[in-house]
Amino acid sequence: MLVGVLTIGTFSRRTGLSVRALRLYDELGVLRPDSLDPRTGYRLYSPSQVRAARMIALLRAAEMPLRDIAVVLEQADRASAHRLIDSHAAELEAPPVGGARSVGFGSPLPRRRGAQRDVQ
């Protein structure tokens, strides 16, 4: 193995992203490995990719969609990336449509079976 190259497992531990997530990000083009081992096909990452991977982890924790994260990572300047992140943060802070979070097409969150109703 080459010096300075990180296997997917090592890269996963350094970045906090699961191996499964890293494979998905490779397939979607969000974070491609630096290289592939020609003999084994293993994904190999460089230490310089750790910062981008940690950014992805932070943005995913903030519920940013992968397509938007890809756009943030593609920005040549920090100001453009910050504008996209600020826009996402504003969307998260905005009150949900209809006043309550919903699932699906506006349906209310389902009650758990046997849950007690609040009586006022």
PDB file of N, CA and C in Angstrom:
ATOM      1  N   MET A   1       0.842  -1.181   0.000  1.00  0.00           N
ATOM      2  CA  MET A   1       0.000   0.000   0.000  1.00  0.00           C
ATOM      3  C   MET A   1       0.885   1.242   0.000  1.00  0.00           C
ATOM      4  N   LEU A   2       0.457   2.266  -0.664  1.00  0.00           N
ATOM      5  CA  LEU A   2       1.216   3.499  -0.776  1.00  0.00           C
ATOM      6  C   LEU A   2       1.193   4.281   0.532  1.00  0.00           C
ATOM      7  N   VAL A   3       2.273   4.969   0.817  1.00  0.00           N
ATOM      8  CA  VAL A   3       2.371   5.795   2.017  1.00  0.00           C
ATOM      9  C   VAL A   3       1.480   7.021   1.847  1.00  0.00           C
ATOM     10  N   GLY A   4       0.756   7.380   2.910  1.00  0.00           N
ATOM     11  CA  GLY A   4      -0.102   8.564   2.857  1.00  0.00           C
ATOM     12  C   GLY A   4      -1.467   8.306   2.272  1.00  0.00           C
ATOM     13  N   VAL A   5      -1.725   7.095   1.822  1.00  0.00           N
ATOM     14  CA  VAL A   5      -3.019   6.746   1.256  1.00  0.00           C
ATOM     15  C   VAL A   5      -3.858   6.109   2.353  1.00  0.00           C
ATOM     16  N   LEU A   6      -5.127   6.461   2.409  1.00  0.00           N
ATOM     17  CA  LEU A   6      -6.030   5.945   3.430  1.00  0.00           C
ATOM     18  C   LEU A   6      -7.020   4.959   2.808  1.00  0.00           C
ATOM     19  N   THR A   7      -7.126   3.794   3.407  1.00  0.00           N
ATOM     20  CA  THR A   7      -8.155   2.852   2.962  1.00  0.00           C
ATOM     21  C   THR A   7      -9.514   3.406   3.360  1.00  0.00           C
ATOM     22  N   ILE A   8     -10.558   2.856   2.817  1.00  0.00           N
ATOM     23  CA  ILE A   8     -11.895   3.353   3.130  1.00  0.00           C
ATOM     24  C   ILE A   8     -12.208   3.204   4.618  1.00  0.00           C
ATOM     25  N   GLY A   9     -11.735   2.125   5.246  1.00  0.00           N
ATOM     26  CA  GLY A   9     -11.972   1.935   6.673  1.00  0.00           C
ATOM     27  C   GLY A   9     -11.267   2.975   7.527  1.00  0.00           C
ATOM     28  N   THR A  10     -10.014   3.247   7.211  1.00  0.00           N
ATOM     29  CA  THR A  10      -9.252   4.260   7.935  1.00  0.00           C
ATOM     30  C   THR A  10      -9.863   5.638   7.706  1.00  0.00           C
ATOM     31  N   PHE A  11     -10.224   5.924   6.473  1.00  0.00           N
ATOM     32  CA  PHE A  11     -10.832   7.210   6.137  1.00  0.00           C
ATOM     33  C   PHE A  11     -12.160   7.361   6.882  1.00  0.00           C
ATOM     34  N   SER A  12     -12.929   6.302   6.960  1.00  0.00           N
ATOM     35  CA  SER A  12     -14.190   6.310   7.685  1.00  0.00           C
ATOM     36  C   SER A  12     -13.983   6.684   9.148  1.00  0.00           C
ATOM     37  N   ARG A  13     -13.009   6.056   9.776  1.00  0.00           N
ATOM     38  CA  ARG A  13     -12.734   6.353  11.192  1.00  0.00           C
ATOM     39  C   ARG A  13     -12.261   7.790  11.388  1.00  0.00           C
ATOM     40  N   ARG A  14     -11.476   8.316  10.467  1.00  0.00           N
ATOM     41  CA  ARG A  14     -10.958   9.697  10.597  1.00  0.00           C
ATOM     42  C   ARG A  14     -12.036  10.750  10.377  1.00  0.00           C
ATOM     43  N   THR A  15     -13.029  10.409   9.581  1.00  0.00           N
ATOM     44  CA  THR A  15     -14.019  11.417   9.187  1.00  0.00           C
ATOM     45  C   THR A  15     -15.365  11.280   9.884  1.00  0.00           C
ATOM     46  N   GLY A  16     -15.635  10.121  10.449  1.00  0.00           N
ATOM     47  CA  GLY A  16     -16.939   9.904  11.072  1.00  0.00           C
ATOM     48  C   GLY A  16     -18.018   9.494  10.091  1.00  0.00           C
ATOM     49  N   LEU A  17     -17.646   9.301   8.841  1.00  0.00           N
ATOM     50  CA  LEU A  17     -18.603   8.822   7.836  1.00  0.00           C
ATOM     51  C   LEU A  17     -18.497   7.302   7.747  1.00  0.00           C
ATOM     52  N   SER A  18     -19.625   6.635   7.637  1.00  0.00           N
ATOM     53  CA  SER A  18     -19.590   5.181   7.547  1.00  0.00           C
ATOM     54  C   SER A  18     -19.046   4.739   6.193  1.00  0.00           C
ATOM     55  N   VAL A  19     -18.548   3.525   6.150  1.00  0.00           N
ATOM     56  CA  VAL A  19     -18.062   2.958   4.892  1.00  0.00           C
ATOM     57  C   VAL A  19     -19.207   2.927   3.881  1.00  0.00           C
ATOM     58  N   ARG A  20     -20.387   2.578   4.346  1.00  0.00           N
ATOM     59  CA  ARG A  20     -21.565   2.538   3.466  1.00  0.00           C
ATOM     60  C   ARG A  20     -21.848   3.920   2.870  1.00  0.00           C
ATOM     61  N   ALA A  21     -21.770   4.953   3.709  1.00  0.00           N
ATOM     62  CA  ALA A  21     -22.000   6.315   3.221  1.00  0.00           C
ATOM     63  C   ALA A  21     -20.929   6.719   2.213  1.00  0.00           C
ATOM     64  N   LEU A  22     -19.677   6.373   2.496  1.00  0.00           N
ATOM     65  CA  LEU A  22     -18.593   6.713   1.565  1.00  0.00           C
ATOM     66  C   LEU A  22     -18.801   6.047   0.211  1.00  0.00           C
ATOM     67  N   ARG A  23     -19.262   4.823   0.215  1.00  0.00           N
ATOM     68  CA  ARG A  23     -19.542   4.140  -1.062  1.00  0.00           C
ATOM     69  C   ARG A  23     -20.661   4.847  -1.811  1.00  0.00           C
ATOM     70  N   LEU A  24     -21.699   5.265  -1.082  1.00  0.00           N
ATOM     71  CA  LEU A  24     -22.810   5.995  -1.699  1.00  0.00           C
ATOM     72  C   LEU A  24     -22.318   7.327  -2.268  1.00  0.00           C
ATOM     73  N   TYR A  25     -21.518   8.057  -1.496  1.00  0.00           N
ATOM     74  CA  TYR A  25     -21.023   9.348  -1.964  1.00  0.00           C
ATOM     75  C   TYR A  25     -20.144   9.195  -3.197  1.00  0.00           C
ATOM     76  N   ASP A  26     -19.429   8.092  -3.291  1.00  0.00           N
ATOM     77  CA  ASP A  26     -18.645   7.800  -4.493  1.00  0.00           C
ATOM     78  C   ASP A  26     -19.577   7.573  -5.677  1.00  0.00           C
ATOM     79  N   GLU A  27     -20.588   6.742  -5.485  1.00  0.00           N
ATOM     80  CA  GLU A  27     -21.522   6.438  -6.572  1.00  0.00           C
ATOM     81  C   GLU A  27     -22.248   7.677  -7.064  1.00  0.00           C
ATOM     82  N   LEU A  28     -22.583   8.577  -6.140  1.00  0.00           N
ATOM     83  CA  LEU A  28     -23.315   9.795  -6.505  1.00  0.00           C
ATOM     84  C   LEU A  28     -22.407  10.932  -6.953  1.00  0.00           C
ATOM     85  N   GLY A  29     -21.102  10.752  -6.808  1.00  0.00           N
ATOM     86  CA  GLY A  29     -20.166  11.788  -7.218  1.00  0.00           C
ATOM     87  C   GLY A  29     -20.005  12.909  -6.210  1.00  0.00           C
ATOM     88  N   VAL A  30     -20.469  12.728  -4.993  1.00  0.00           N
ATOM     89  CA  VAL A  30     -20.347  13.758  -3.965  1.00  0.00           C
ATOM     90  C   VAL A  30     -18.924  13.791  -3.419  1.00  0.00           C
ATOM     91  N   LEU A  31     -18.355  12.620  -3.160  1.00  0.00           N
ATOM     92  CA  LEU A  31     -16.979  12.510  -2.680  1.00  0.00           C
ATOM     93  C   LEU A  31     -16.374  11.242  -3.262  1.00  0.00           C
ATOM     94  N   ARG A  32     -15.611  11.418  -4.297  1.00  0.00           N
ATOM     95  CA  ARG A  32     -14.968  10.278  -4.950  1.00  0.00           C
ATOM     96  C   ARG A  32     -13.634   9.988  -4.274  1.00  0.00           C
ATOM     97  N   PRO A  33     -13.241   8.721  -4.200  1.00  0.00           N
ATOM     98  CA  PRO A  33     -11.914   8.418  -3.664  1.00  0.00           C
ATOM     99  C   PRO A  33     -10.838   9.022  -4.556  1.00  0.00           C
ATOM    100  N   ASP A  34      -9.684   9.234  -3.971  1.00  0.00           N
ATOM    101  CA  ASP A  34      -8.557   9.792  -4.720  1.00  0.00           C
ATOM    102  C   ASP A  34      -8.126   8.829  -5.815  1.00  0.00           C
ATOM    103  N   SER A  35      -8.193   7.528  -5.504  1.00  0.00           N
ATOM    104  CA  SER A  35      -7.812   6.521  -6.495  1.00  0.00           C
ATOM    105  C   SER A  35      -8.438   5.180  -6.131  1.00  0.00           C
ATOM    106  N   LEU A  36      -8.357   4.260  -7.074  1.00  0.00           N
ATOM    107  CA  LEU A  36      -8.783   2.881  -6.853  1.00  0.00           C
ATOM    108  C   LEU A  36      -7.566   1.994  -7.030  1.00  0.00           C
ATOM    109  N   ASP A  37      -7.421   1.027  -6.138  1.00  0.00           N
ATOM    110  CA  ASP A  37      -6.329   0.073  -6.276  1.00  0.00           C
ATOM    111  C   ASP A  37      -6.625  -0.767  -7.510  1.00  0.00           C
ATOM    112  N   PRO A  38      -5.754  -0.760  -8.520  1.00  0.00           N
ATOM    113  CA  PRO A  38      -6.031  -1.477  -9.761  1.00  0.00           C
ATOM    114  C   PRO A  38      -6.137  -2.995  -9.568  1.00  0.00           C
ATOM    115  N   ARG A  39      -5.475  -3.503  -8.571  1.00  0.00           N
ATOM    116  CA  ARG A  39      -5.486  -4.949  -8.354  1.00  0.00           C
ATOM    117  C   ARG A  39      -6.721  -5.400  -7.569  1.00  0.00           C
ATOM    118  N   THR A  40      -7.077  -4.641  -6.527  1.00  0.00           N
ATOM    119  CA  THR A  40      -8.170  -5.059  -5.642  1.00  0.00           C
ATOM    120  C   THR A  40      -9.473  -4.308  -5.871  1.00  0.00           C
ATOM    121  N   GLY A  41      -9.391  -3.118  -6.465  1.00  0.00           N
ATOM    122  CA  GLY A  41     -10.579  -2.284  -6.636  1.00  0.00           C
ATOM    123  C   GLY A  41     -10.934  -1.493  -5.382  1.00  0.00           C
ATOM    124  N   TYR A  42     -10.089  -1.572  -4.341  1.00  0.00           N
ATOM    125  CA  TYR A  42     -10.349  -0.843  -3.098  1.00  0.00           C
ATOM    126  C   TYR A  42     -10.322   0.661  -3.353  1.00  0.00           C
ATOM    127  N   ARG A  43     -11.222   1.346  -2.689  1.00  0.00           N
ATOM    128  CA  ARG A  43     -11.244   2.802  -2.750  1.00  0.00           C
ATOM    129  C   ARG A  43     -10.145   3.327  -1.826  1.00  0.00           C
ATOM    130  N   LEU A  44      -9.353   4.261  -2.331  1.00  0.00           N
ATOM    131  CA  LEU A  44      -8.254   4.842  -1.559  1.00  0.00           C
ATOM    132  C   LEU A  44      -8.430   6.360  -1.514  1.00  0.00           C
ATOM    133  N   TYR A  45      -8.284   6.913  -0.324  1.00  0.00           N
ATOM    134  CA  TYR A  45      -8.479   8.342  -0.117  1.00  0.00           C
ATOM    135  C   TYR A  45      -7.163   8.988   0.282  1.00  0.00           C
ATOM    136  N   SER A  46      -7.063  10.286   0.044  1.00  0.00           N
ATOM    137  CA  SER A  46      -5.864  11.014   0.464  1.00  0.00           C
ATOM    138  C   SER A  46      -6.207  11.818   1.716  1.00  0.00           C
ATOM    139  N   PRO A  47      -5.203  12.105   2.532  1.00  0.00           N
ATOM    140  CA  PRO A  47      -5.444  12.926   3.727  1.00  0.00           C
ATOM    141  C   PRO A  47      -6.068  14.290   3.395  1.00  0.00           C
ATOM    142  N   SER A  48      -5.807  14.799   2.194  1.00  0.00           N
ATOM    143  CA  SER A  48      -6.366  16.098   1.810  1.00  0.00           C
ATOM    144  C   SER A  48      -7.889  16.061   1.638  1.00  0.00           C
ATOM    145  N   GLN A  49      -8.482  14.869   1.591  1.00  0.00           N
ATOM    146  CA  GLN A  49      -9.930  14.750   1.434  1.00  0.00           C
ATOM    147  C   GLN A  49     -10.674  14.720   2.766  1.00  0.00           C
ATOM    148  N   VAL A  50      -9.939  14.645   3.866  1.00  0.00           N
ATOM    149  CA  VAL A  50     -10.570  14.552   5.189  1.00  0.00           C
ATOM    150  C   VAL A  50     -11.439  15.775   5.467  1.00  0.00           C
ATOM    151  N   ARG A  51     -10.954  16.946   5.136  1.00  0.00           N
ATOM    152  CA  ARG A  51     -11.713  18.183   5.411  1.00  0.00           C
ATOM    153  C   ARG A  51     -13.067  18.181   4.691  1.00  0.00           C
ATOM    154  N   ALA A  52     -13.088  17.813   3.421  1.00  0.00           N
ATOM    155  CA  ALA A  52     -14.347  17.763   2.670  1.00  0.00           C
ATOM    156  C   ALA A  52     -15.285  16.725   3.273  1.00  0.00           C
ATOM    157  N   ALA A  53     -14.738  15.586   3.684  1.00  0.00           N
ATOM    158  CA  ALA A  53     -15.576  14.532   4.267  1.00  0.00           C
ATOM    159  C   ALA A  53     -16.188  14.997   5.585  1.00  0.00           C
ATOM    160  N   ARG A  54     -15.415  15.698   6.390  1.00  0.00           N
ATOM    161  CA  ARG A  54     -15.966  16.214   7.650  1.00  0.00           C
ATOM    162  C   ARG A  54     -17.032  17.277   7.397  1.00  0.00           C
ATOM    163  N   MET A  55     -16.847  18.063   6.350  1.00  0.00           N
ATOM    164  CA  MET A  55     -17.863  19.045   5.972  1.00  0.00           C
ATOM    165  C   MET A  55     -19.154  18.333   5.574  1.00  0.00           C
ATOM    166  N   ILE A  56     -19.025  17.268   4.815  1.00  0.00           N
ATOM    167  CA  ILE A  56     -20.197  16.482   4.427  1.00  0.00           C
ATOM    168  C   ILE A  56     -20.914  15.968   5.672  1.00  0.00           C
ATOM    169  N   ALA A  57     -20.164  15.432   6.627  1.00  0.00           N
ATOM    170  CA  ALA A  57     -20.770  14.914   7.854  1.00  0.00           C
ATOM    171  C   ALA A  57     -21.534  16.013   8.595  1.00  0.00           C
ATOM    172  N   LEU A  58     -20.955  17.202   8.687  1.00  0.00           N
ATOM    173  CA  LEU A  58     -21.625  18.316   9.367  1.00  0.00           C
ATOM    174  C   LEU A  58     -22.899  18.743   8.636  1.00  0.00           C
ATOM    175  N   LEU A  59     -22.810  18.837   7.319  1.00  0.00           N
ATOM    176  CA  LEU A  59     -23.976  19.270   6.544  1.00  0.00           C
ATOM    177  C   LEU A  59     -25.078  18.216   6.555  1.00  0.00           C
ATOM    178  N   ARG A  60     -24.718  16.946   6.554  1.00  0.00           N
ATOM    179  CA  ARG A  60     -25.725  15.880   6.659  1.00  0.00           C
ATOM    180  C   ARG A  60     -26.399  15.932   8.023  1.00  0.00           C
ATOM    181  N   ALA A  61     -25.615  16.218   9.070  1.00  0.00           N
ATOM    182  CA  ALA A  61     -26.189  16.350  10.419  1.00  0.00           C
ATOM    183  C   ALA A  61     -27.174  17.518  10.473  1.00  0.00           C
ATOM    184  N   ALA A  62     -26.956  18.521   9.617  1.00  0.00           N
ATOM    185  CA  ALA A  62     -27.861  19.673   9.519  1.00  0.00           C
ATOM    186  C   ALA A  62     -28.979  19.413   8.506  1.00  0.00           C
ATOM    187  N   GLU A  63     -29.135  18.155   8.107  1.00  0.00           N
ATOM    188  CA  GLU A  63     -30.216  17.719   7.214  1.00  0.00           C
ATOM    189  C   GLU A  63     -30.141  18.325   5.815  1.00  0.00           C
ATOM    190  N   MET A  64     -28.958  18.698   5.364  1.00  0.00           N
ATOM    191  CA  MET A  64     -28.824  19.219   4.001  1.00  0.00           C
ATOM    192  C   MET A  64     -28.839  18.051   3.028  1.00  0.00           C
ATOM    193  N   PRO A  65     -29.640  18.139   1.960  1.00  0.00           N
ATOM    194  CA  PRO A  65     -29.673  17.071   0.955  1.00  0.00           C
ATOM    195  C   PRO A  65     -28.323  16.914   0.252  1.00  0.00           C
ATOM    196  N   LEU A  66     -28.019  15.697  -0.159  1.00  0.00           N
ATOM    197  CA  LEU A  66     -26.743  15.415  -0.812  1.00  0.00           C
ATOM    198  C   LEU A  66     -26.533  16.251  -2.065  1.00  0.00           C
ATOM    199  N   ARG A  67     -27.582  16.486  -2.833  1.00  0.00           N
ATOM    200  CA  ARG A  67     -27.411  17.279  -4.060  1.00  0.00           C
ATOM    201  C   ARG A  67     -26.951  18.693  -3.725  1.00  0.00           C
ATOM    202  N   ASP A  68     -27.431  19.249  -2.604  1.00  0.00           N
ATOM    203  CA  ASP A  68     -27.014  20.586  -2.185  1.00  0.00           C
ATOM    204  C   ASP A  68     -25.590  20.562  -1.629  1.00  0.00           C
ATOM    205  N   ILE A  69     -25.250  19.480  -0.923  1.00  0.00           N
ATOM    206  CA  ILE A  69     -23.886  19.350  -0.408  1.00  0.00           C
ATOM    207  C   ILE A  69     -22.898  19.303  -1.563  1.00  0.00           C
ATOM    208  N   ALA A  70     -23.238  18.578  -2.611  1.00  0.00           N
ATOM    209  CA  ALA A  70     -22.359  18.503  -3.784  1.00  0.00           C
ATOM    210  C   ALA A  70     -22.125  19.892  -4.361  1.00  0.00           C
ATOM    211  N   VAL A  71     -23.169  20.715  -4.405  1.00  0.00           N
ATOM    212  CA  VAL A  71     -23.036  22.078  -4.929  1.00  0.00           C
ATOM    213  C   VAL A  71     -22.134  22.905  -4.010  1.00  0.00           C
ATOM    214  N   VAL A  72     -22.305  22.768  -2.687  1.00  0.00           N
ATOM    215  CA  VAL A  72     -21.458  23.502  -1.739  1.00  0.00           C
ATOM    216  C   VAL A  72     -19.999  23.137  -1.956  1.00  0.00           C
ATOM    217  N   LEU A  73     -19.714  21.834  -2.090  1.00  0.00           N
ATOM    218  CA  LEU A  73     -18.331  21.393  -2.250  1.00  0.00           C
ATOM    219  C   LEU A  73     -17.720  21.844  -3.569  1.00  0.00           C
ATOM    220  N   GLU A  74     -18.543  22.088  -4.578  1.00  0.00           N
ATOM    221  CA  GLU A  74     -18.049  22.510  -5.888  1.00  0.00           C
ATOM    222  C   GLU A  74     -17.734  24.005  -5.949  1.00  0.00           C
ATOM    223  N   GLN A  75     -18.173  24.776  -4.952  1.00  0.00           N
ATOM    224  CA  GLN A  75     -17.976  26.220  -4.978  1.00  0.00           C
ATOM    225  C   GLN A  75     -16.489  26.546  -4.905  1.00  0.00           C
ATOM    226  N   ALA A  76     -16.064  27.421  -5.790  1.00  0.00           N
ATOM    227  CA  ALA A  76     -14.650  27.809  -5.854  1.00  0.00           C
ATOM    228  C   ALA A  76     -14.271  28.752  -4.715  1.00  0.00           C
ATOM    229  N   ASP A  77     -15.247  29.524  -4.240  1.00  0.00           N
ATOM    230  CA  ASP A  77     -14.922  30.471  -3.174  1.00  0.00           C
ATOM    231  C   ASP A  77     -15.802  30.223  -1.949  1.00  0.00           C
ATOM    232  N   ARG A  78     -15.266  30.560  -0.801  1.00  0.00           N
ATOM    233  CA  ARG A  78     -15.967  30.328   0.462  1.00  0.00           C
ATOM    234  C   ARG A  78     -17.258  31.128   0.563  1.00  0.00           C
ATOM    235  N   ALA A  79     -17.283  32.327   0.016  1.00  0.00           N
ATOM    236  CA  ALA A  79     -18.471  33.174   0.123  1.00  0.00           C
ATOM    237  C   ALA A  79     -19.680  32.495  -0.521  1.00  0.00           C
ATOM    238  N   SER A  80     -19.481  31.899  -1.677  1.00  0.00           N
ATOM    239  CA  SER A  80     -20.587  31.206  -2.352  1.00  0.00           C
ATOM    240  C   SER A  80     -21.056  30.014  -1.532  1.00  0.00           C
ATOM    241  N   ALA A  81     -20.119  29.254  -0.985  1.00  0.00           N
ATOM    242  CA  ALA A  81     -20.471  28.107  -0.156  1.00  0.00           C
ATOM    243  C   ALA A  81     -21.229  28.561   1.087  1.00  0.00           C
ATOM    244  N   HIS A  82     -20.780  29.655   1.706  1.00  0.00           N
ATOM    245  CA  HIS A  82     -21.453  30.177   2.903  1.00  0.00           C
ATOM    246  C   HIS A  82     -22.876  30.623   2.588  1.00  0.00           C
ATOM    247  N   ARG A  83     -23.093  31.224   1.428  1.00  0.00           N
ATOM    248  CA  ARG A  83     -24.439  31.651   1.044  1.00  0.00           C
ATOM    249  C   ARG A  83     -25.368  30.441   0.931  1.00  0.00           C
ATOM    250  N   LEU A  84     -24.883  29.358   0.334  1.00  0.00           N
ATOM    251  CA  LEU A  84     -25.700  28.149   0.204  1.00  0.00           C
ATOM    252  C   LEU A  84     -26.021  27.545   1.573  1.00  0.00           C
ATOM    253  N   ILE A  85     -25.044  27.513   2.448  1.00  0.00           N
ATOM    254  CA  ILE A  85     -25.255  26.967   3.790  1.00  0.00           C
ATOM    255  C   ILE A  85     -26.217  27.862   4.572  1.00  0.00           C
ATOM    256  N   ASP A  86     -26.052  29.173   4.476  1.00  0.00           N
ATOM    257  CA  ASP A  86     -26.956  30.099   5.162  1.00  0.00           C
ATOM    258  C   ASP A  86     -28.383  29.950   4.656  1.00  0.00           C
ATOM    259  N   SER A  87     -28.536  29.738   3.360  1.00  0.00           N
ATOM    260  CA  SER A  87     -29.861  29.542   2.777  1.00  0.00           C
ATOM    261  C   SER A  87     -30.511  28.282   3.348  1.00  0.00           C
ATOM    262  N   HIS A  88     -29.732  27.224   3.466  1.00  0.00           N
ATOM    263  CA  HIS A  88     -30.268  25.978   4.034  1.00  0.00           C
ATOM    264  C   HIS A  88     -30.648  26.188   5.503  1.00  0.00           C
ATOM    265  N   ALA A  89     -29.810  26.893   6.256  1.00  0.00           N
ATOM    266  CA  ALA A  89     -30.100  27.145   7.664  1.00  0.00           C
ATOM    267  C   ALA A  89     -31.396  27.943   7.809  1.00  0.00           C
ATOM    268  N   ALA A  90     -31.616  28.912   6.925  1.00  0.00           N
ATOM    269  CA  ALA A  90     -32.846  29.711   6.970  1.00  0.00           C
ATOM    270  C   ALA A  90     -34.069  28.834   6.708  1.00  0.00           C
ATOM    271  N   GLU A  91     -33.937  27.885   5.784  1.00  0.00           N
ATOM    272  CA  GLU A  91     -35.044  26.959   5.512  1.00  0.00           C
ATOM    273  C   GLU A  91     -35.358  26.117   6.741  1.00  0.00           C
ATOM    274  N   LEU A  92     -34.327  25.678   7.451  1.00  0.00           N
ATOM    275  CA  LEU A  92     -34.540  24.871   8.651  1.00  0.00           C
ATOM    276  C   LEU A  92     -35.213  25.673   9.759  1.00  0.00           C
ATOM    277  N   GLU A  93     -34.901  26.957   9.842  1.00  0.00           N
ATOM    278  CA  GLU A  93     -35.448  27.798  10.896  1.00  0.00           C
ATOM    279  C   GLU A  93     -36.867  28.271  10.597  1.00  0.00           C
ATOM    280  N   ALA A  94     -37.269  28.235   9.333  1.00  0.00           N
ATOM    281  CA  ALA A  94     -38.606  28.686   8.961  1.00  0.00           C
ATOM    282  C   ALA A  94     -39.646  27.742   9.550  1.00  0.00           C
ATOM    283  N   PRO A  95     -40.769  28.301  10.006  1.00  0.00           N
ATOM    284  CA  PRO A  95     -41.809  27.415  10.544  1.00  0.00           C
ATOM    285  C   PRO A  95     -42.349  26.509   9.452  1.00  0.00           C
ATOM    286  N   PRO A  96     -42.667  25.265   9.796  1.00  0.00           N
ATOM    287  CA  PRO A  96     -43.199  24.349   8.793  1.00  0.00           C
ATOM    288  C   PRO A  96     -44.542  24.831   8.247  1.00  0.00           C
ATOM    289  N   VAL A  97     -44.827  24.494   7.019  1.00  0.00           N
ATOM    290  CA  VAL A  97     -46.092  24.857   6.399  1.00  0.00           C
ATOM    291  C   VAL A  97     -47.208  24.166   7.173  1.00  0.00           C
ATOM    292  N   GLY A  98     -48.245  24.904   7.518  1.00  0.00           N
ATOM    293  CA  GLY A  98     -49.360  24.326   8.250  1.00  0.00           C
ATOM    294  C   GLY A  98     -49.140  24.296   9.752  1.00  0.00           C
ATOM    295  N   GLY A  99     -47.977  24.776  10.224  1.00  0.00           N
ATOM    296  CA  GLY A  99     -47.744  24.879  11.643  1.00  0.00           C
ATOM    297  C   GLY A  99     -47.248  23.629  12.338  1.00  0.00           C
ATOM    298  N   ALA A 100     -47.255  22.477  11.668  1.00  0.00           N
ATOM    299  CA  ALA A 100     -46.778  21.245  12.303  1.00  0.00           C
ATOM    300  C   ALA A 100     -45.992  20.441  11.292  1.00  0.00           C
ATOM    301  N   ARG A 101     -45.000  19.746  11.777  1.00  0.00           N
ATOM    302  CA  ARG A 101     -44.248  18.881  10.880  1.00  0.00           C
ATOM    303  C   ARG A 101     -45.143  17.757  10.423  1.00  0.00           C
ATOM    304  N   SER A 102     -44.973  17.349   9.192  1.00  0.00           N
ATOM    305  CA  SER A 102     -45.808  16.279   8.666  1.00  0.00           C
ATOM    306  C   SER A 102     -44.956  15.283   7.907  1.00  0.00           C
ATOM    307  N   VAL A 103     -45.559  14.162   7.622  1.00  0.00           N
ATOM    308  CA  VAL A 103     -44.900  13.103   6.873  1.00  0.00           C
ATOM    309  C   VAL A 103     -45.666  12.929   5.575  1.00  0.00           C
ATOM    310  N   GLY A 104     -44.949  12.693   4.496  1.00  0.00           N
ATOM    311  CA  GLY A 104     -45.638  12.428   3.232  1.00  0.00           C
ATOM    312  C   GLY A 104     -46.210  13.690   2.636  1.00  0.00           C
ATOM    313  N   PHE A 105     -47.452  13.608   2.191  1.00  0.00           N
ATOM    314  CA  PHE A 105     -48.099  14.709   1.487  1.00  0.00           C
ATOM    315  C   PHE A 105     -49.003  15.496   2.424  1.00  0.00           C
ATOM    316  N   GLY A 106     -48.406  16.006   3.483  1.00  0.00           N
ATOM    317  CA  GLY A 106     -49.181  16.842   4.389  1.00  0.00           C
ATOM    318  C   GLY A 106     -49.938  16.059   5.440  1.00  0.00           C
ATOM    319  N   SER A 107     -49.753  14.754   5.508  1.00  0.00           N
ATOM    320  CA  SER A 107     -50.445  13.981   6.523  1.00  0.00           C
ATOM    321  C   SER A 107     -49.771  14.204   7.870  1.00  0.00           C
ATOM    322  N   PRO A 108     -50.553  14.224   8.951  1.00  0.00           N
ATOM    323  CA  PRO A 108     -49.942  14.440  10.255  1.00  0.00           C
ATOM    324  C   PRO A 108     -49.075  13.246  10.652  1.00  0.00           C
ATOM    325  N   LEU A 109     -48.180  13.480  11.605  1.00  0.00           N
ATOM    326  CA  LEU A 109     -47.364  12.380  12.105  1.00  0.00           C
ATOM    327  C   LEU A 109     -48.270  11.315  12.714  1.00  0.00           C
ATOM    328  N   PRO A 110     -47.994  10.051  12.450  1.00  0.00           N
ATOM    329  CA  PRO A 110     -48.859   8.991  12.985  1.00  0.00           C
ATOM    330  C   PRO A 110     -48.689   8.860  14.492  1.00  0.00           C
ATOM    331  N   ARG A 111     -49.789   8.509  15.174  1.00  0.00           N
ATOM    332  CA  ARG A 111     -49.745   8.252  16.610  1.00  0.00           C
ATOM    333  C   ARG A 111     -49.264   6.832  16.825  1.00  0.00           C
ATOM    334  N   ARG A 112     -48.541   6.644  17.910  1.00  0.00           N
ATOM    335  CA  ARG A 112     -48.164   5.282  18.266  1.00  0.00           C
ATOM    336  C   ARG A 112     -49.393   4.565  18.775  1.00  0.00           C
ATOM    337  N   ARG A 113     -49.488   3.305  18.456  1.00  0.00           N
ATOM    338  CA  ARG A 113     -50.609   2.495  18.913  1.00  0.00           C
ATOM    339  C   ARG A 113     -50.606   2.466  20.437  1.00  0.00           C
ATOM    340  N   GLY A 114     -51.748   2.746  21.040  1.00  0.00           N
ATOM    341  CA  GLY A 114     -51.877   2.714  22.489  1.00  0.00           C
ATOM    342  C   GLY A 114     -51.408   3.980  23.168  1.00  0.00           C
ATOM    343  N   ALA A 115     -51.005   4.985  22.405  1.00  0.00           N
ATOM    344  CA  ALA A 115     -50.550   6.241  23.019  1.00  0.00           C
ATOM    345  C   ALA A 115     -51.719   6.994  23.625  1.00  0.00           C
ATOM    346  N   GLN A 116     -51.506   7.591  24.771  1.00  0.00           N
ATOM    347  CA  GLN A 116     -52.544   8.359  25.456  1.00  0.00           C
ATOM    348  C   GLN A 116     -52.678   9.722  24.800  1.00  0.00           C
ATOM    349  N   ARG A 117     -53.898  10.184  24.642  1.00  0.00           N
ATOM    350  CA  ARG A 117     -54.126  11.524  24.106  1.00  0.00           C
ATOM    351  C   ARG A 117     -53.978  12.534  25.238  1.00  0.00           C
ATOM    352  N   ASP A 118     -53.486  13.700  24.897  1.00  0.00           N
ATOM    353  CA  ASP A 118     -53.384  14.771  25.881  1.00  0.00           C
ATOM    354  C   ASP A 118     -54.775  15.325  26.141  1.00  0.00           C
ATOM    355  N   VAL A 119     -55.143  15.467  27.406  1.00  0.00           N
ATOM    356  CA  VAL A 119     -56.425  16.025  27.781  1.00  0.00           C
ATOM    357  C   VAL A 119     -56.169  17.374  28.413  1.00  0.00           C
ATOM    358  N   GLN A 120     -56.895  18.385  27.951  1.00  0.00           N
ATOM    359  CA  GLN A 120     -56.684  19.734  28.502  1.00  0.00           C
ATOM    360  C   GLN A 120     -57.863  20.183  29.282  1.00  0.00           C
TER     361      GLN A 120
END
